[in-house]
Amino acid sequence: MSKDIVAKLDDKLRAKRESFDKIPLVDIAPLLDGSNKQMVAKEIRWALSNTGFMYVKNHGIAQDFVDSVFDVSRRFFDLPMSQKMTLHISKSDVALRGYIEPFGENTDPGKTKDLKECFDFGPERSTLEGPFFGPNQWPSSLPEFRELTYGYHQKMVDLAKKLLQGIALSLDLSESYFENLTRNPISIQRLLHYPPQSGCVGEEIIGIGAHTDYGNLTVLAQDDVGGLQVMNRHGDWIEGIPIHGTFVINIGDLIQRLTNDLYLANMHRVVNSSGRERYSIPFFIDADFNAIIEPLPSFVTDSNPLRYKPVICGEHKFGRFAASYAHLAKA
């Protein structure tokens, strides 16, 4: 790889290292082992009502295993473009499984182009069942890829469901509240690669344009490069600095709707100005496709009136994706 060349950022792309001020760090061991779930729930409530983001540590997933998934992800993205394009996401129809080339997905299509490439997969299905549910595509030239990445996906499902239990407790709901909404949830495991940018970087082309996530919850593993930026209530961009051994957790639109804006699905973006290759591994868990999401009565008051109409989870999510993918727009 060539010598790192740090990019010069447009002023609008600079992130501050101060107020929210920073993303809180939550030790979730007492949630996972049951020793003090309410203490963790209290910390989750503060984090998600103030920032919509948190780091979690002591999450029970070995760092060596996470590192091995990063390694096989790098090897996948190093494959020739011709090989990766044989797995293109358009070949999976509405299941949305496979490879996405640079600029193939644009999360803020009216303003930016996303300088990233991705590989998406999810729960195994033998046939196309509908949006988000269908067969995965796997690279034949990396025989260990499927076992490692799908094993990671399964660990993410388990961790995300534990985190949803903590979120339920933080909202004074039954610990099992989300189980009825996630019996067969939409979930997407993604591998991401951000090429380095050099020269003057403006808002038109960055790693990922500003957006909120579409579903319930995101669990993100970062490498050590950095580039994640989160917007605070004042409109300032705050750096989501990588912390070894942690995951970054953020909520999406569905939980913001469910809580009638008590919890924030915060705007975030990626600006890779490091001069280095950046890799990350996000996992997204939503609700069941036909789950109806609307504000719970306990969060609708005279001072905080009803803000959202009911939406069907899968229709909401597919509508957001359709605006980002060219092949869906043509469908």
Foldseek 3Di string as FASTA:
>chain_A
DDDFAFAAEDPVQDFDCAPCRAQEEAECPCLVVVVCLLVRLQVVLVRQLFFLKHKYFPLPDDLVLVVVLVVVLVVVVPDDPVQQCVFDQVVFPQLRFGKAAFQQFALCVVAAGAQKIKGKDADADDADPDHNDGHHDDRPVDVCNCVSQVVVRVVVVVSVLSVCLSNCVSVVHHSCVQVVFAVPWRKMKMKMKHAEDHYYDYRHYFNHHKDFDQFFKKKKDWDQQWFKWWQGPVRGTHTPGDDPRIIMMGTGDLVCFQLLNSGDRTIMTGGRSGSHMIIMIMMDTHTHQQDKGHHDPVNADPVRHGDDDIDRRNVRNSVSRCVTHPSSVVD
